[in-house]
Amino acid sequence: MSAKAPTNQDEAVRVSIPGLVGLARAAEQLPLKAVNIRALQSGAYMSPFKGRGMEFVETRPYQAGDDIRSLDWKVTARTGKAHTKLFREERERPVLLWVDLRQSMFFATRGAFKAVIAARAAALLGWSAAAHGDRLGGLIFSADSHQELKPQSGRVGVLRLIKTLCEHPGWEQDQQSTASQSTHEALARLHNVSRPGSLVFLLSDFRDIDRRAEEHLSHIARHNDVVLIHTSDPLEQALPPAGQYRLSNGLRELQLNTADPVMQQNYQQRYHDRENHLQNLCRRYRMFYLPLATTDNVVDRLQIGLGLKRK
């Protein structure tokens, strides 16, 4: 990777190691410890993160005020006297980042590519996790490549994440590639490596959520805190005003005519239907939904989504 400092235009289409390392200070505004998550779809506050996992320490006789849910029924049955299990909070909680670098993430009409926005958010969350003593890991995937990072503590874990993000083969998009790793395949990998009690962030445009993907989501969310960060571009949400527009991916061009009001309405409705489906999934599986647009200030949007700042 070149040591040349990236320009603003470069940072809109691809992230750099210096750029993501430079987000460390901004991440101080994103504490992930004992924070309430704002449910954007309802405007209310949902329950706080479950927090770190709990480690069993010992069993002792029941005392007044003990939580009956912690009763050790085996010891109670054996001795004939009520006993309570004692736990202590694990010193480190796994924080897992699942980052989508497939072809649809390399798109924007304004701001920066969805992939760039997702990578910036991942780096910010990684720095915040390290600052609070959590172990950072994840899975970064494209159509034909996935890289798994086992949870690791401290600055070393964040720098490893940043290096993997910036050097992932997904940034070298091959327009001729026929590979097509699906969302459910990537979630299946995450399901296999996630440990109960983890804090999981999913960063994607979620364009191909199907029944199998939903099944993996339900299993992951059952024992973990899950935040679904939905990336999108304004053009995906609604067509521009009536007119003729030229779109290009660098190899091919497309002429877009937006004069038909029925097409405008149908286009916008399809996006809202997909967004509503994701929000309903989050409600069903007790996950947290956080929209992130290509034009957003990532720090501000994460603060609002995590309930740290009013909209």
Protein backbone atom coordinates (compact mmCIF):
# COMPACT_ATOMS: atom_id res chain seq x y z
CA MET A 1 0.00 0.00 0.00
CA SER A 2 1.35 3.40 -0.94
CA ALA A 3 2.48 5.71 1.86
CA LYS A 4 1.06 8.67 -0.05
CA ALA A 5 -1.59 10.53 1.94
CA PRO A 6 -5.07 9.86 0.53
CA THR A 7 -7.04 12.72 -1.00
CA ASN A 8 -10.66 13.48 -0.09
CA GLN A 9 -11.73 11.95 -3.40
CA ASP A 10 -9.72 8.78 -2.65
CA GLU A 11 -11.37 8.49 0.77
CA ALA A 12 -14.81 8.58 -0.88
CA VAL A 13 -14.18 5.38 -2.85
CA ARG A 14 -11.67 3.51 -0.70
CA VAL A 15 -10.49 3.60 2.89
CA SER A 16 -6.86 3.90 3.95
CA ILE A 17 -4.96 2.74 7.01
CA PRO A 18 -4.03 6.32 8.05
CA GLY A 19 -7.64 7.41 7.60
CA LEU A 20 -9.09 4.67 9.82
CA VAL A 21 -6.31 4.96 12.41
CA GLY A 22 -7.12 8.68 12.59
CA LEU A 23 -10.64 7.87 13.81
CA ALA A 24 -9.36 6.74 17.21
CA ARG A 25 -10.03 10.08 18.90
CA ALA A 26 -13.51 10.43 17.39
CA ALA A 27 -14.35 6.97 18.80
CA GLU A 28 -14.10 8.40 22.31
CA GLN A 29 -17.58 9.81 21.64
CA LEU A 30 -18.98 6.27 21.20
CA PRO A 31 -18.87 4.46 24.55
CA LEU A 32 -20.29 0.94 24.19
CA LYS A 33 -20.48 0.20 27.92
CA ALA A 34 -23.90 0.03 29.61
CA VAL A 35 -25.48 2.20 26.94
CA ASN A 36 -29.14 2.40 25.96
CA ILE A 37 -29.91 1.79 22.31
CA ARG A 38 -32.41 4.03 20.64
CA ALA A 39 -35.02 2.16 18.63
CA LEU A 40 -35.14 4.47 15.65
CA GLN A 41 -38.24 2.84 14.22
CA SER A 42 -40.32 3.71 17.27
CA GLY A 43 -38.53 6.70 18.77
CA ALA A 44 -38.36 4.97 22.16
CA TYR A 45 -35.48 3.51 24.13
CA MET A 46 -34.97 -0.21 24.17
CA SER A 47 -33.24 -2.24 26.87
CA PRO A 48 -29.51 -1.66 27.38
CA PHE A 49 -26.84 -3.97 26.02
CA LYS A 50 -26.77 -7.25 27.90
CA GLY A 51 -23.15 -6.47 28.68
CA ARG A 52 -20.29 -8.89 29.14
CA GLY A 53 -20.92 -12.54 29.75
CA MET A 54 -21.14 -13.94 33.24
CA GLU A 55 -18.65 -16.46 34.61
CA PHE A 56 -19.73 -18.96 37.30
CA VAL A 57 -17.73 -18.63 40.55
CA GLU A 58 -19.32 -20.77 43.29
CA THR A 59 -22.51 -21.91 45.02
CA ARG A 60 -23.49 -20.73 48.53
CA PRO A 61 -26.58 -21.04 50.76
CA TYR A 62 -29.51 -18.87 49.67
CA GLN A 63 -29.77 -15.47 51.38
CA ALA A 64 -32.73 -13.13 51.56
CA GLY A 65 -32.77 -10.88 48.50
CA ASP A 66 -31.00 -13.36 46.18
CA ASP A 67 -32.45 -13.65 42.68
CA ILE A 68 -34.44 -16.89 42.61
CA ARG A 69 -33.47 -17.28 38.94
CA SER A 70 -29.92 -18.01 40.16
CA LEU A 71 -30.91 -20.92 42.38
CA ASP A 72 -28.69 -23.98 41.99
CA TRP A 73 -31.39 -26.61 41.76
CA LYS A 74 -29.03 -29.58 41.76
CA VAL A 75 -27.32 -28.56 45.00
CA THR A 76 -30.67 -27.54 46.51
CA ALA A 77 -32.14 -30.97 45.74
CA ARG A 78 -29.09 -32.80 47.05
CA THR A 79 -28.79 -30.91 50.35
CA GLY A 80 -32.42 -30.10 50.97
CA LYS A 81 -31.53 -26.43 51.49
CA ALA A 82 -31.75 -23.61 48.94
CA HIS A 83 -28.43 -22.65 47.33
CA THR A 84 -27.61 -19.80 44.97
CA LYS A 85 -25.13 -19.67 42.11
CA LEU A 86 -22.69 -16.74 42.22
CA PHE A 87 -21.34 -15.19 39.04
CA ARG A 88 -18.90 -12.48 38.18
CA GLU A 89 -18.75 -10.36 35.06
CA GLU A 90 -16.20 -11.51 32.52
CA ARG A 91 -13.36 -9.04 32.23
CA GLU A 92 -13.56 -8.93 28.45
CA ARG A 93 -16.55 -9.11 26.13
CA PRO A 94 -16.18 -10.19 22.49
CA VAL A 95 -17.24 -7.48 20.03
CA LEU A 96 -17.73 -8.89 16.52
CA LEU A 97 -17.91 -6.80 13.34
CA TRP A 98 -19.50 -8.41 10.27
CA VAL A 99 -18.61 -6.19 7.29
CA ASP A 100 -20.03 -6.63 3.78
CA LEU A 101 -17.65 -5.72 0.91
CA ARG A 102 -19.63 -7.25 -1.94
CA GLN A 103 -20.15 -5.39 -5.21
CA SER A 104 -23.41 -3.64 -4.27
CA MET A 105 -21.57 -1.89 -1.40
CA PHE A 106 -19.36 -0.04 -3.91
CA PHE A 107 -21.97 2.50 -4.88
CA ALA A 108 -22.83 6.11 -4.06
CA THR A 109 -24.28 9.10 -5.85
CA ARG A 110 -23.36 11.42 -2.97
CA GLY A 111 -20.98 11.25 -0.04
CA ALA A 112 -18.86 8.08 -0.01
CA PHE A 113 -19.33 4.50 -1.17
CA LYS A 114 -21.47 2.37 1.13
CA ALA A 115 -18.39 0.17 1.66
CA VAL A 116 -16.38 3.20 2.80
CA ILE A 117 -19.10 4.30 5.22
CA ALA A 118 -19.34 0.76 6.61
CA ALA A 119 -15.56 0.50 7.03
CA ARG A 120 -15.42 3.85 8.86
CA ALA A 121 -18.21 2.75 11.19
CA ALA A 122 -16.41 -0.56 11.82
CA ALA A 123 -13.17 1.25 12.69
CA LEU A 124 -14.97 3.64 15.06
CA LEU A 125 -16.72 0.76 16.82
CA GLY A 126 -13.43 -1.12 16.98
CA TRP A 127 -11.61 1.76 18.65
CA SER A 128 -14.47 2.17 21.12
CA ALA A 129 -14.44 -1.53 21.97
CA ALA A 130 -10.70 -1.47 22.61
CA ALA A 131 -11.03 1.60 24.84
CA HIS A 132 -13.47 -0.30 27.06
CA GLY A 133 -11.35 -3.41 27.36
CA ASP A 134 -13.42 -5.58 25.01
CA ARG A 135 -11.90 -8.13 22.64
CA LEU A 136 -12.41 -7.26 18.97
CA GLY A 137 -12.96 -9.76 16.19
CA GLY A 138 -15.10 -10.17 13.14
CA LEU A 139 -15.69 -11.40 9.65
CA ILE A 140 -15.04 -9.29 6.55
CA PHE A 141 -16.35 -10.75 3.31
CA SER A 142 -16.82 -10.10 -0.39
CA ALA A 143 -18.34 -12.22 -3.16
CA ASP A 144 -15.38 -14.57 -3.35
CA SER A 145 -13.32 -13.95 -0.21
CA HIS A 146 -13.90 -13.92 3.53
CA GLN A 147 -11.45 -13.21 6.31
CA GLU A 148 -12.18 -14.19 9.90
CA LEU A 149 -10.57 -12.35 12.81
CA LYS A 150 -10.59 -14.08 16.18
CA PRO A 151 -11.29 -11.70 19.09
CA GLN A 152 -8.19 -9.92 20.32
CA SER A 153 -7.76 -7.22 22.96
CA GLY A 154 -6.38 -3.70 22.82
CA ARG A 155 -4.89 -1.53 20.12
CA VAL A 156 -3.38 -4.57 18.42
CA GLY A 157 -6.85 -5.96 17.74
CA VAL A 158 -8.06 -2.69 16.18
CA LEU A 159 -4.98 -2.26 14.01
CA ARG A 160 -5.35 -5.83 12.78
CA LEU A 161 -9.01 -5.10 11.89
CA ILE A 162 -8.06 -1.89 10.07
CA LYS A 163 -5.29 -3.59 8.09
CA THR A 164 -7.65 -6.40 7.09
CA LEU A 165 -10.38 -3.93 6.10
CA CYS A 166 -8.07 -1.81 3.97
CA GLU A 167 -6.27 -4.70 2.25
CA HIS A 168 -9.28 -6.96 1.70
CA PRO A 169 -9.57 -8.25 -1.91
CA GLY A 170 -13.14 -6.93 -2.02
CA TRP A 171 -11.85 -3.45 -2.84
CA GLU A 172 -10.50 -4.79 -6.15
CA GLN A 173 -13.95 -5.45 -7.59
CA ASP A 174 -13.83 -7.83 -10.57
CA GLN A 175 -16.74 -6.96 -12.84
CA GLN A 176 -16.37 -10.31 -14.63
CA SER A 177 -16.42 -12.44 -11.47
CA THR A 178 -19.22 -15.00 -11.20
CA ALA A 179 -18.69 -15.58 -7.47
CA SER A 180 -21.67 -14.63 -5.32
CA GLN A 181 -21.37 -15.36 -1.62
CA SER A 182 -24.84 -14.81 -0.21
CA THR A 183 -25.86 -13.07 3.00
CA HIS A 184 -27.03 -16.37 4.50
CA GLU A 185 -23.63 -17.99 3.81
CA ALA A 186 -21.79 -15.10 5.46
CA LEU A 187 -24.19 -15.17 8.43
CA ALA A 188 -23.71 -18.94 8.74
CA ARG A 189 -19.97 -18.34 9.16
CA LEU A 190 -20.67 -15.69 11.79
CA HIS A 191 -23.07 -18.02 13.59
CA ASN A 192 -20.31 -20.64 13.79
CA VAL A 193 -17.75 -18.28 15.36
CA SER A 194 -19.93 -16.06 17.58
CA ARG A 195 -19.82 -16.81 21.28
CA PRO A 196 -22.81 -16.22 23.62
CA GLY A 197 -22.61 -12.83 25.31
CA SER A 198 -20.98 -11.10 22.34
CA LEU A 199 -21.88 -7.68 20.97
CA VAL A 200 -22.34 -8.10 17.22
CA PHE A 201 -22.49 -5.33 14.61
CA LEU A 202 -23.71 -6.23 11.11
CA LEU A 203 -22.74 -3.66 8.44
CA SER A 204 -24.33 -4.21 5.04
CA ASP A 205 -27.00 -3.03 2.61
CA PHE A 206 -28.78 -6.38 3.22
CA ARG A 207 -29.97 -6.65 -0.36
CA ASP A 208 -30.50 -10.43 -0.35
CA ILE A 209 -31.97 -11.30 3.06
CA ASP A 210 -33.87 -14.58 2.66
CA ARG A 211 -35.39 -17.19 4.96
CA ARG A 212 -32.06 -18.95 5.55
CA ALA A 213 -30.38 -15.66 6.45
CA GLU A 214 -33.22 -14.89 8.87
CA GLU A 215 -32.75 -18.26 10.57
CA HIS A 216 -29.06 -17.54 11.18
CA LEU A 217 -29.95 -14.07 12.46
CA SER A 218 -32.42 -15.52 14.94
CA HIS A 219 -29.81 -17.95 16.30
CA ILE A 220 -27.15 -15.23 16.59
CA ALA A 221 -29.53 -12.79 18.29
CA ARG A 222 -30.78 -15.38 20.76
CA HIS A 223 -27.64 -15.19 22.92
CA ASN A 224 -25.99 -11.96 21.77
CA ASP A 225 -26.66 -8.25 21.43
CA VAL A 226 -27.00 -7.57 17.70
CA VAL A 227 -26.96 -4.18 15.98
CA LEU A 228 -28.00 -4.20 12.32
CA ILE A 229 -26.41 -1.21 10.55
CA HIS A 230 -28.24 -0.75 7.23
CA THR A 231 -26.19 1.23 4.68
CA SER A 232 -27.89 2.97 1.76
CA ASP A 233 -27.52 5.75 -0.80
CA PRO A 234 -30.16 8.47 -1.35
CA LEU A 235 -30.71 7.21 -4.91
CA GLU A 236 -31.69 3.80 -3.53
CA GLN A 237 -34.31 5.43 -1.34
CA ALA A 238 -35.93 7.62 -4.01
CA LEU A 239 -35.33 8.56 -7.65
CA PRO A 240 -34.18 12.11 -8.42
CA PRO A 241 -36.61 14.70 -9.88
CA ALA A 242 -38.02 14.08 -13.36
CA GLY A 243 -35.31 14.16 -16.00
CA GLN A 244 -32.68 12.21 -17.94
CA TYR A 245 -29.68 10.95 -15.91
CA ARG A 246 -26.52 9.09 -16.86
CA LEU A 247 -25.12 6.47 -14.48
CA SER A 248 -21.83 4.62 -14.84
CA ASN A 249 -19.78 2.04 -12.95
CA GLY A 250 -16.65 2.95 -14.87
CA LEU A 251 -17.20 0.25 -17.48
CA ARG A 252 -20.81 0.58 -18.55
CA GLU A 253 -23.29 3.45 -18.75
CA LEU A 254 -27.01 3.55 -18.07
CA GLN A 255 -29.52 6.19 -19.10
CA LEU A 256 -32.20 6.76 -16.47
CA ASN A 257 -35.47 8.54 -17.25
CA THR A 258 -37.37 9.51 -14.10
CA ALA A 259 -40.27 11.37 -15.71
CA ASP A 260 -42.90 8.68 -14.96
CA PRO A 261 -44.54 9.45 -11.55
CA VAL A 262 -45.84 5.87 -11.22
CA MET A 263 -42.32 4.51 -11.64
CA GLN A 264 -41.11 7.04 -9.05
CA GLN A 265 -43.72 5.89 -6.54
CA ASN A 266 -43.15 2.16 -7.17
CA TYR A 267 -39.39 2.58 -6.88
CA GLN A 268 -39.67 4.39 -3.55
CA GLN A 269 -42.21 1.86 -2.24
CA ARG A 270 -39.87 -1.06 -2.98
CA TYR A 271 -37.16 0.54 -0.86
CA HIS A 272 -39.55 1.26 2.00
CA ASP A 273 -40.85 -2.32 1.87
CA ARG A 274 -37.30 -3.68 2.21
CA GLU A 275 -36.50 -1.22 5.01
CA ASN A 276 -39.70 -2.13 6.87
CA HIS A 277 -38.86 -5.81 6.50
CA LEU A 278 -35.46 -5.27 8.13
CA GLN A 279 -37.03 -3.25 10.94
CA ASN A 280 -39.62 -5.96 11.55
CA LEU A 281 -36.85 -8.56 11.71
CA CYS A 282 -35.11 -6.47 14.34
CA ARG A 283 -38.26 -6.20 16.41
CA ARG A 284 -38.94 -9.93 16.08
CA TYR A 285 -35.45 -11.01 17.16
CA ARG A 286 -34.81 -8.13 19.60
CA MET A 287 -32.02 -6.65 17.51
CA PHE A 288 -31.28 -2.95 17.10
CA TYR A 289 -31.82 -1.23 13.74
CA LEU A 290 -29.54 1.64 12.73
CA PRO A 291 -29.73 3.24 9.24
CA LEU A 292 -26.51 4.70 7.83
CA ALA A 293 -26.57 6.70 4.58
CA THR A 294 -23.65 7.50 2.28
CA THR A 295 -24.17 11.19 3.11
CA ASP A 296 -24.18 10.75 6.91
CA ASN A 297 -21.58 11.93 9.36
CA VAL A 298 -20.72 8.48 10.69
CA VAL A 299 -19.89 9.59 14.25
CA ASP A 300 -23.14 11.57 14.57
CA ARG A 301 -25.25 8.76 13.15
CA LEU A 302 -23.71 6.15 15.48
CA GLN A 303 -24.21 8.44 18.46
CA ILE A 304 -27.90 8.89 17.56
CA GLY A 305 -28.35 5.18 16.85
CA LEU A 306 -26.72 4.17 20.13
CA GLY A 307 -28.90 6.56 22.09
CA LEU A 308 -26.00 8.83 23.05
CA LYS A 309 -27.29 11.87 21.19
CA ARG A 310 -30.77 13.10 20.34
CA LYS A 311 -31.70 13.17 16.66
